Amino acid sequence: MKRGERGYVLLAMLALVLAVSAVALVSGANHFAGNRELSARRDTLKALQTARELLLARALAEDNTPGALPCPSPDESGSTVTECAPNTTGVIGRLPWKTLGTTPLLDGDGECLWYALSVPQRNGVPAQCRDDSHDGEALCLSVPATPPINPATVPSLVANGEKVVAVLFAPSRSLSTQTGRGSGSGGCRSGSPDQFLESPGTSGTAVSTTISSPQPGGNDQILVITQQDVMKVVAARFLRRLADSGIAFTDGPLADTRGLTSPSQQAFDLKLLTTQDTPNYAKATGSAACPRTSTLVDGLPSSLNYKHPVSTLCLNDWYTWISFDSSKNLLSISIPPANAGEKTVICSATPGSKEVLCV
């Protein structure tokens, strides 16, 4: 091979090597980008699931009205407010991570989670104000009518065509139209919902329309909490307490109508009351009134306690949902579906046992 020909061959080989290297670099970059996107998705899903678990734990532990959830945080501080501005659909803000006892929960792009809540499920409503009669409580006169929280409660929030108690949002990186995101510490940046979320109806603090996500060209990711999700954990709490009470239950519902107590309910009320420090059993007049514990001062009840299980069960109409079947020796609570495609969930427990099964 002549010298000139050898030069051409060397140039051709060099070009081939460069071309192969370029392909390898592009492939490697695509692979890296793919890995990063996959990692971001995993981080986002983990943050959403953690937030969901924390909210369900809060609903379970709520001592005012079990099943109620904290209002969203109105800013990036992560702290809830005592009461949300009520409207007919829902309220939206940041996940109240500080109130839930955790650090900021960030999605895969380092943004804090957002959170929308159904109006009836907010925990800023005193338990006695969920009682239709209000038992003559003056403080309830300024509280908008709010239904009790039990298996029949209908959520006011709608996401992707389903009634839900809450929606968790991962906003992801900002789009070209979202130019108003501010600064902040720990990933929680200031800004209005429309600077983070593409879902319609999420501007300001109120959710005005059905939440629909993801939107074309959008990158929000959501995770919902359904009525049955919440009711299952609350039903388990009540059934464990009932099953461990040592009461000889009678067949049928514990109470058909609020204020008209069955033998089982009366026994359970008194059993619970004796677990307190010499409490007194007080009951307002009227067929719809609920019992509560109180302290006697000069022979008159004062310092009414509506956080006692007796008050919680009655004021939220739970006694009508709890039944006993002596043929199976089972206490049970039925949780009806809130949406098409769901089925009735039945939670049950055997008296004397703390094991609860929901199917």
Protein backbone atom coordinates (compact mmCIF):
# COMPACT_ATOMS: atom_id res chain seq x y z
CA MET A 1 0.00 0.00 0.00
CA LYS A 2 1.37 3.36 -0.96
CA ARG A 3 2.08 6.07 1.60
CA GLY A 4 -0.85 8.25 0.47
CA GLU A 5 -3.25 5.34 0.62
CA ARG A 6 -2.07 4.47 4.12
CA GLY A 7 -2.84 8.07 5.16
CA TYR A 8 -6.38 7.83 3.82
CA VAL A 9 -6.91 4.54 5.70
CA LEU A 10 -5.66 6.07 8.94
CA LEU A 11 -7.99 9.04 8.50
CA ALA A 12 -10.91 6.72 7.81
CA MET A 13 -10.12 4.67 10.91
CA LEU A 14 -9.83 7.80 13.02
CA ALA A 15 -13.22 9.02 11.76
CA LEU A 16 -14.74 5.65 12.58
CA VAL A 17 -13.28 5.72 16.10
CA LEU A 18 -14.63 9.26 16.65
CA ALA A 19 -18.05 8.27 15.35
CA VAL A 20 -18.20 5.24 17.64
CA SER A 21 -17.07 7.38 20.59
CA ALA A 22 -19.74 9.97 19.84
CA VAL A 23 -22.44 7.29 19.72
CA ALA A 24 -21.15 5.89 23.02
CA LEU A 25 -21.23 9.33 24.62
CA VAL A 26 -24.79 9.99 23.44
CA SER A 27 -25.88 6.55 24.59
CA GLY A 28 -24.22 7.09 27.95
CA ALA A 29 -25.87 10.50 28.34
CA ASN A 30 -29.28 9.05 27.48
CA HIS A 31 -28.70 6.21 29.91
CA PHE A 32 -27.71 8.69 32.64
CA ALA A 33 -30.77 10.86 31.91
CA GLY A 34 -32.98 7.77 32.01
CA ASN A 35 -31.51 6.68 35.33
CA ARG A 36 -31.99 10.17 36.76
CA GLU A 37 -35.63 10.28 35.65
CA LEU A 38 -36.26 6.84 37.11
CA SER A 39 -34.60 7.86 40.39
CA ALA A 40 -36.69 11.07 40.51
CA ARG A 41 -39.88 9.08 39.98
CA ARG A 42 -38.93 6.71 42.80
CA ASP A 43 -38.23 9.62 45.14
CA THR A 44 -41.53 11.25 44.22
CA LEU A 45 -43.52 8.08 44.81
CA LYS A 46 -41.78 7.54 48.15
CA ALA A 47 -42.59 11.10 49.27
CA LEU A 48 -46.25 10.77 48.24
CA GLN A 49 -46.65 7.41 49.99
CA THR A 50 -44.95 8.70 53.16
CA ALA A 51 -47.29 11.70 53.23
CA ARG A 52 -50.31 9.44 52.76
CA GLU A 53 -49.24 7.20 55.66
CA LEU A 54 -48.64 10.19 57.93
CA LEU A 55 -52.08 11.63 57.17
CA LEU A 56 -53.83 8.29 57.81
CA ALA A 57 -51.94 7.98 61.10
CA ARG A 58 -53.13 11.47 62.01
CA ALA A 59 -56.72 10.56 61.13
CA LEU A 60 -56.45 7.51 63.37
CA ALA A 61 -54.99 9.41 66.33
CA GLU A 62 -57.26 12.46 66.06
CA ASP A 63 -58.93 12.82 69.47
CA ASN A 64 -61.49 15.45 68.53
CA THR A 65 -63.08 13.59 65.63
CA PRO A 66 -61.23 10.45 64.49
CA GLY A 67 -61.07 10.47 60.71
CA ALA A 68 -60.60 14.23 60.45
CA LEU A 69 -57.44 15.60 58.84
CA PRO A 70 -55.43 18.79 59.42
CA CYS A 71 -55.92 21.80 57.19
CA PRO A 72 -53.22 22.45 54.58
CA SER A 73 -50.41 24.80 55.47
CA PRO A 74 -51.12 28.23 53.93
CA ASP A 75 -47.43 28.82 53.24
CA GLU A 76 -44.08 27.06 53.02
CA SER A 77 -43.71 26.86 56.83
CA GLY A 78 -45.36 23.42 56.97
CA SER A 79 -47.65 24.38 59.88
CA THR A 80 -51.40 23.87 59.70
CA VAL A 81 -54.02 26.41 60.74
CA THR A 82 -56.76 25.92 63.31
CA GLU A 83 -59.53 26.21 60.74
CA CYS A 84 -59.54 26.36 56.94
CA ALA A 85 -61.64 28.94 55.16
CA PRO A 86 -64.66 26.72 54.41
CA ASN A 87 -66.14 26.51 50.93
CA THR A 88 -68.27 23.97 49.13
CA THR A 89 -65.54 21.85 47.58
CA GLY A 90 -62.09 21.77 49.11
CA VAL A 91 -59.12 23.74 50.37
CA ILE A 92 -55.56 23.55 49.07
CA GLY A 93 -52.10 24.47 50.35
CA ARG A 94 -48.79 22.88 51.27
CA LEU A 95 -48.61 19.56 53.06
CA PRO A 96 -48.44 20.49 56.78
CA TRP A 97 -45.25 18.48 57.28
CA LYS A 98 -44.29 20.20 60.53
CA THR A 99 -47.72 19.51 62.03
CA LEU A 100 -47.35 15.87 60.98
CA GLY A 101 -44.05 15.69 62.87
CA THR A 102 -41.67 15.27 59.97
CA THR A 103 -39.19 17.19 57.86
CA PRO A 104 -40.23 18.63 54.47
CA LEU A 105 -41.23 15.85 52.09
CA LEU A 106 -39.73 16.58 48.67
CA ASP A 107 -40.49 15.12 45.27
CA GLY A 108 -37.81 13.88 42.90
CA ASP A 109 -37.17 17.43 41.69
CA GLY A 110 -36.71 18.81 45.19
CA GLU A 111 -40.11 20.52 45.48
CA CYS A 112 -42.36 20.34 48.56
CA LEU A 113 -45.64 18.44 48.29
CA TRP A 114 -49.01 20.17 48.02
CA TYR A 115 -52.24 18.93 49.60
CA ALA A 116 -55.97 19.42 48.97
CA LEU A 117 -58.59 18.47 51.58
CA SER A 118 -62.33 17.78 51.39
CA VAL A 119 -64.31 20.33 53.45
CA PRO A 120 -66.27 17.92 55.75
CA GLN A 121 -63.06 16.13 56.77
CA ARG A 122 -61.22 19.18 58.17
CA ASN A 123 -60.34 18.83 61.85
CA GLY A 124 -60.96 22.46 62.82
CA VAL A 125 -64.61 21.71 63.64
CA PRO A 126 -65.28 20.89 67.32
CA ALA A 127 -66.85 17.45 67.76
CA GLN A 128 -69.99 18.84 69.38
CA CYS A 129 -70.58 21.09 66.35
CA ARG A 130 -70.91 18.04 64.10
CA ASP A 131 -73.93 17.03 66.15
CA ASP A 132 -77.03 18.23 64.29
CA SER A 133 -78.63 19.48 67.51
CA HIS A 134 -75.37 21.19 68.60
CA ASP A 135 -76.56 20.39 72.14
CA GLY A 136 -77.12 24.09 72.70
CA GLU A 137 -73.42 24.91 72.42
CA ALA A 138 -72.97 28.64 71.84
CA LEU A 139 -69.60 28.19 70.11
CA CYS A 140 -71.27 26.22 67.31
CA LEU A 141 -73.46 29.12 66.25
CA SER A 142 -70.59 30.58 64.20
CA VAL A 143 -69.52 27.23 62.71
CA PRO A 144 -70.89 26.39 59.24
CA ALA A 145 -73.01 23.24 59.17
CA THR A 146 -70.59 20.32 59.00
CA PRO A 147 -71.64 16.67 58.83
CA PRO A 148 -70.34 14.07 61.29
CA ILE A 149 -67.46 11.88 60.17
CA ASN A 150 -68.49 8.25 59.86
CA PRO A 151 -68.78 5.65 57.05
CA ALA A 152 -71.63 7.60 55.43
CA THR A 153 -69.73 10.90 55.12
CA VAL A 154 -69.55 12.00 51.48
CA PRO A 155 -66.28 13.76 50.55
CA SER A 156 -66.70 17.08 48.76
CA LEU A 157 -63.46 16.80 46.78
CA VAL A 158 -63.41 15.16 43.33
CA ALA A 159 -60.21 13.99 41.63
CA ASN A 160 -60.18 12.30 38.23
CA GLY A 161 -63.89 11.60 38.53
CA GLU A 162 -63.82 10.07 42.04
CA LYS A 163 -64.91 11.52 45.38
CA VAL A 164 -61.87 11.59 47.66
CA VAL A 165 -60.96 12.86 51.11
CA ALA A 166 -57.59 14.30 50.11
CA VAL A 167 -55.22 14.71 47.17
CA LEU A 168 -51.43 14.86 47.46
CA PHE A 169 -49.53 16.64 44.70
CA ALA A 170 -45.89 16.37 43.63
CA PRO A 171 -45.37 19.51 41.47
CA SER A 172 -42.06 18.43 39.86
CA ARG A 173 -39.83 20.92 38.03
CA SER A 174 -41.32 24.20 36.85
CA LEU A 175 -42.73 24.47 33.34
CA SER A 176 -42.12 27.41 31.00
CA THR A 177 -45.41 28.97 32.12
CA GLN A 178 -44.57 28.68 35.81
CA THR A 179 -42.21 31.59 36.31
CA GLY A 180 -43.32 32.81 39.73
CA ARG A 181 -41.84 30.22 42.05
CA GLY A 182 -40.05 32.02 44.86
CA SER A 183 -37.21 31.09 47.13
CA GLY A 184 -37.41 29.09 50.31
CA SER A 185 -35.52 26.81 52.66
CA GLY A 186 -35.54 23.04 52.67
CA GLY A 187 -37.13 22.80 49.23
CA CYS A 188 -40.33 24.62 50.19
CA ARG A 189 -40.48 27.63 47.91
CA SER A 190 -43.02 30.41 48.10
CA GLY A 191 -45.63 30.90 45.42
CA SER A 192 -49.29 30.32 44.58
CA PRO A 193 -50.66 26.90 43.60
CA ASP A 194 -50.81 27.80 39.88
CA GLN A 195 -47.05 28.38 39.91
CA PHE A 196 -46.55 24.76 40.93
CA LEU A 197 -49.60 22.79 39.76
CA GLU A 198 -51.28 22.43 36.38
CA SER A 199 -54.46 20.79 37.69
CA PRO A 200 -57.54 22.98 37.09
CA GLY A 201 -59.35 24.43 40.07
CA THR A 202 -56.24 24.79 42.21
CA SER A 203 -55.68 28.54 42.20
CA GLY A 204 -55.80 30.48 45.46
CA THR A 205 -56.69 28.53 48.61
CA ALA A 206 -59.94 26.94 47.39
CA VAL A 207 -60.44 24.00 45.06
CA SER A 208 -63.23 25.24 42.81
CA THR A 209 -63.59 22.42 40.28
CA THR A 210 -62.83 18.77 39.77
CA ILE A 211 -59.11 18.04 40.03
CA SER A 212 -57.84 16.42 36.86
CA SER A 213 -54.25 15.24 36.73
CA PRO A 214 -52.01 14.79 34.86
CA GLN A 215 -52.83 17.54 32.38
CA PRO A 216 -51.58 17.49 28.75
CA GLY A 217 -48.07 18.88 28.81
CA GLY A 218 -48.07 18.89 32.62
CA ASN A 219 -45.86 17.04 35.07
CA ASP A 220 -47.88 16.94 38.30
CA GLN A 221 -48.09 13.56 40.01
CA ILE A 222 -50.89 12.89 42.49
CA LEU A 223 -51.89 10.32 45.09
CA VAL A 224 -55.39 10.28 46.60
CA ILE A 225 -56.78 9.25 49.99
CA THR A 226 -60.28 7.80 49.73
CA GLN A 227 -63.11 7.71 52.24
CA GLN A 228 -62.63 3.96 52.67
CA ASP A 229 -58.89 4.43 53.30
CA VAL A 230 -59.69 6.67 56.25
CA MET A 231 -62.67 4.76 57.57
CA LYS A 232 -60.79 1.45 57.69
CA VAL A 233 -58.19 2.75 60.13
CA VAL A 234 -60.81 4.53 62.28
CA ALA A 235 -63.14 1.52 62.30
CA ALA A 236 -60.23 -0.64 63.48
CA ARG A 237 -59.59 1.78 66.36
CA PHE A 238 -63.20 1.69 67.55
CA LEU A 239 -63.57 -2.07 67.12
CA ARG A 240 -60.44 -2.75 69.19
CA ARG A 241 -61.80 -0.56 71.98
CA LEU A 242 -65.19 -2.23 71.87
CA ALA A 243 -63.80 -5.76 71.64
CA ASP A 244 -61.57 -5.13 74.65
CA SER A 245 -64.36 -3.60 76.77
CA GLY A 246 -65.55 -6.87 78.34
CA ILE A 247 -69.19 -6.05 77.54
CA ALA A 248 -71.78 -8.74 76.79
CA PHE A 249 -73.15 -7.34 73.52
CA THR A 250 -76.71 -7.79 72.33
CA ASP A 251 -77.61 -8.58 68.71
CA GLY A 252 -78.00 -5.78 66.21
CA PRO A 253 -76.72 -2.18 65.99
CA LEU A 254 -75.44 -0.60 69.18
CA ALA A 255 -77.93 2.22 68.60
CA ASP A 256 -80.48 2.83 65.87
CA THR A 257 -80.97 6.51 66.66
CA ARG A 258 -78.72 9.02 68.39
CA GLY A 259 -79.88 9.60 71.94
CA LEU A 260 -81.90 6.36 72.05
CA THR A 261 -79.33 4.02 73.49
CA SER A 262 -79.29 0.24 73.26
CA PRO A 263 -78.26 -1.91 76.25
CA SER A 264 -74.87 -2.48 74.59
CA GLN A 265 -74.24 1.22 74.11
CA GLN A 266 -75.25 2.07 77.67
CA ALA A 267 -72.90 -0.59 78.99
CA PHE A 268 -70.07 0.61 76.79
CA ASP A 269 -70.59 4.24 77.81
CA LEU A 270 -70.47 3.37 81.49
CA LYS A 271 -67.50 1.04 81.03
CA LEU A 272 -65.51 3.77 79.31
CA LEU A 273 -66.51 6.38 81.84
CA THR A 274 -65.20 4.30 84.74
CA THR A 275 -61.75 4.30 83.13
CA GLN A 276 -61.45 8.03 83.84
CA ASP A 277 -60.64 9.63 87.21
CA THR A 278 -64.04 9.62 88.93
CA PRO A 279 -65.82 11.21 85.95
CA ASN A 280 -69.46 12.16 85.87
CA TYR A 281 -71.85 11.08 83.18
CA ALA A 282 -73.59 14.17 81.84
CA LYS A 283 -76.19 14.28 79.12
CA ALA A 284 -77.96 17.29 77.68
CA THR A 285 -81.72 17.12 77.32
CA GLY A 286 -83.33 16.27 74.00
CA SER A 287 -83.61 13.09 71.96
CA ALA A 288 -80.61 13.98 69.81
CA ALA A 289 -78.28 14.93 72.64
CA CYS A 290 -75.06 13.01 73.22
CA PRO A 291 -73.38 11.99 76.48
CA ARG A 292 -70.09 13.45 77.54
CA THR A 293 -67.92 13.52 80.64
CA SER A 294 -67.75 16.54 82.88
CA THR A 295 -66.48 17.82 86.19
CA LEU A 296 -69.05 18.83 88.80
CA VAL A 297 -68.74 22.26 90.39
CA ASP A 298 -71.30 23.01 93.12
CA GLY A 299 -73.36 20.14 91.81
CA LEU A 300 -73.46 21.45 88.23
CA PRO A 301 -71.52 20.03 85.26
CA SER A 302 -68.69 22.13 83.87
CA SER A 303 -65.55 21.62 81.76
CA LEU A 304 -67.37 19.38 79.31
CA ASN A 305 -65.06 16.91 77.58
CA TYR A 306 -66.03 16.08 74.01
CA LYS A 307 -62.80 14.21 73.28
CA HIS A 308 -63.86 11.20 75.32
CA PRO A 309 -64.73 8.10 73.23
CA VAL A 310 -68.33 8.29 74.40
CA SER A 311 -68.72 11.76 72.90
CA THR A 312 -66.80 10.93 69.73
CA LEU A 313 -68.87 7.85 68.94
CA CYS A 314 -72.20 9.53 69.57
CA LEU A 315 -71.58 12.97 68.07
CA ASN A 316 -70.35 11.39 64.84
CA ASP A 317 -73.16 8.80 64.69
CA TRP A 318 -70.83 5.80 64.89
CA TYR A 319 -73.15 3.73 67.12
CA THR A 320 -75.55 3.31 64.21
CA TRP A 321 -72.76 1.70 62.13
CA ILE A 322 -71.53 -0.81 64.74
CA SER A 323 -73.34 -4.15 64.97
CA PHE A 324 -72.96 -7.40 66.87
CA ASP A 325 -73.85 -10.86 65.51
CA SER A 326 -74.08 -13.43 68.30
CA SER A 327 -74.25 -16.34 65.83
CA LYS A 328 -70.74 -15.44 64.63
CA ASN A 329 -69.59 -13.74 67.83
CA LEU A 330 -68.47 -10.77 65.75
CA LEU A 331 -68.56 -7.00 66.08
CA SER A 332 -68.57 -5.37 62.67
CA ILE A 333 -68.62 -2.04 60.87
CA SER A 334 -69.67 -1.79 57.22
CA ILE A 335 -68.05 0.94 55.10
CA PRO A 336 -70.11 1.63 51.96
CA PRO A 337 -68.50 2.60 48.64
CA ALA A 338 -68.18 6.29 47.80
CA ASN A 339 -67.51 5.68 44.10
CA ALA A 340 -68.53 3.33 41.33
CA GLY A 341 -66.15 0.39 41.16
CA GLU A 342 -65.60 0.27 44.92
CA LYS A 343 -67.18 -2.42 47.06
CA THR A 344 -68.48 -2.39 50.62
CA VAL A 345 -65.68 -3.02 53.10
CA ILE A 346 -66.56 -4.88 56.30
CA CYS A 347 -64.26 -4.58 59.31
CA SER A 348 -64.82 -7.09 62.12
CA ALA A 349 -63.41 -8.17 65.47
CA THR A 350 -64.16 -10.88 67.99
CA PRO A 351 -64.94 -9.69 71.54
CA GLY A 352 -61.89 -10.28 73.74
CA SER A 353 -59.52 -9.96 70.80
CA LYS A 354 -57.66 -6.89 69.51
CA GLU A 355 -57.28 -8.29 65.99
CA VAL A 356 -59.35 -6.47 63.36
CA LEU A 357 -59.88 -7.75 59.83
CA CYS A 358 -61.17 -5.52 57.01
CA VAL A 359 -62.24 -7.20 53.76
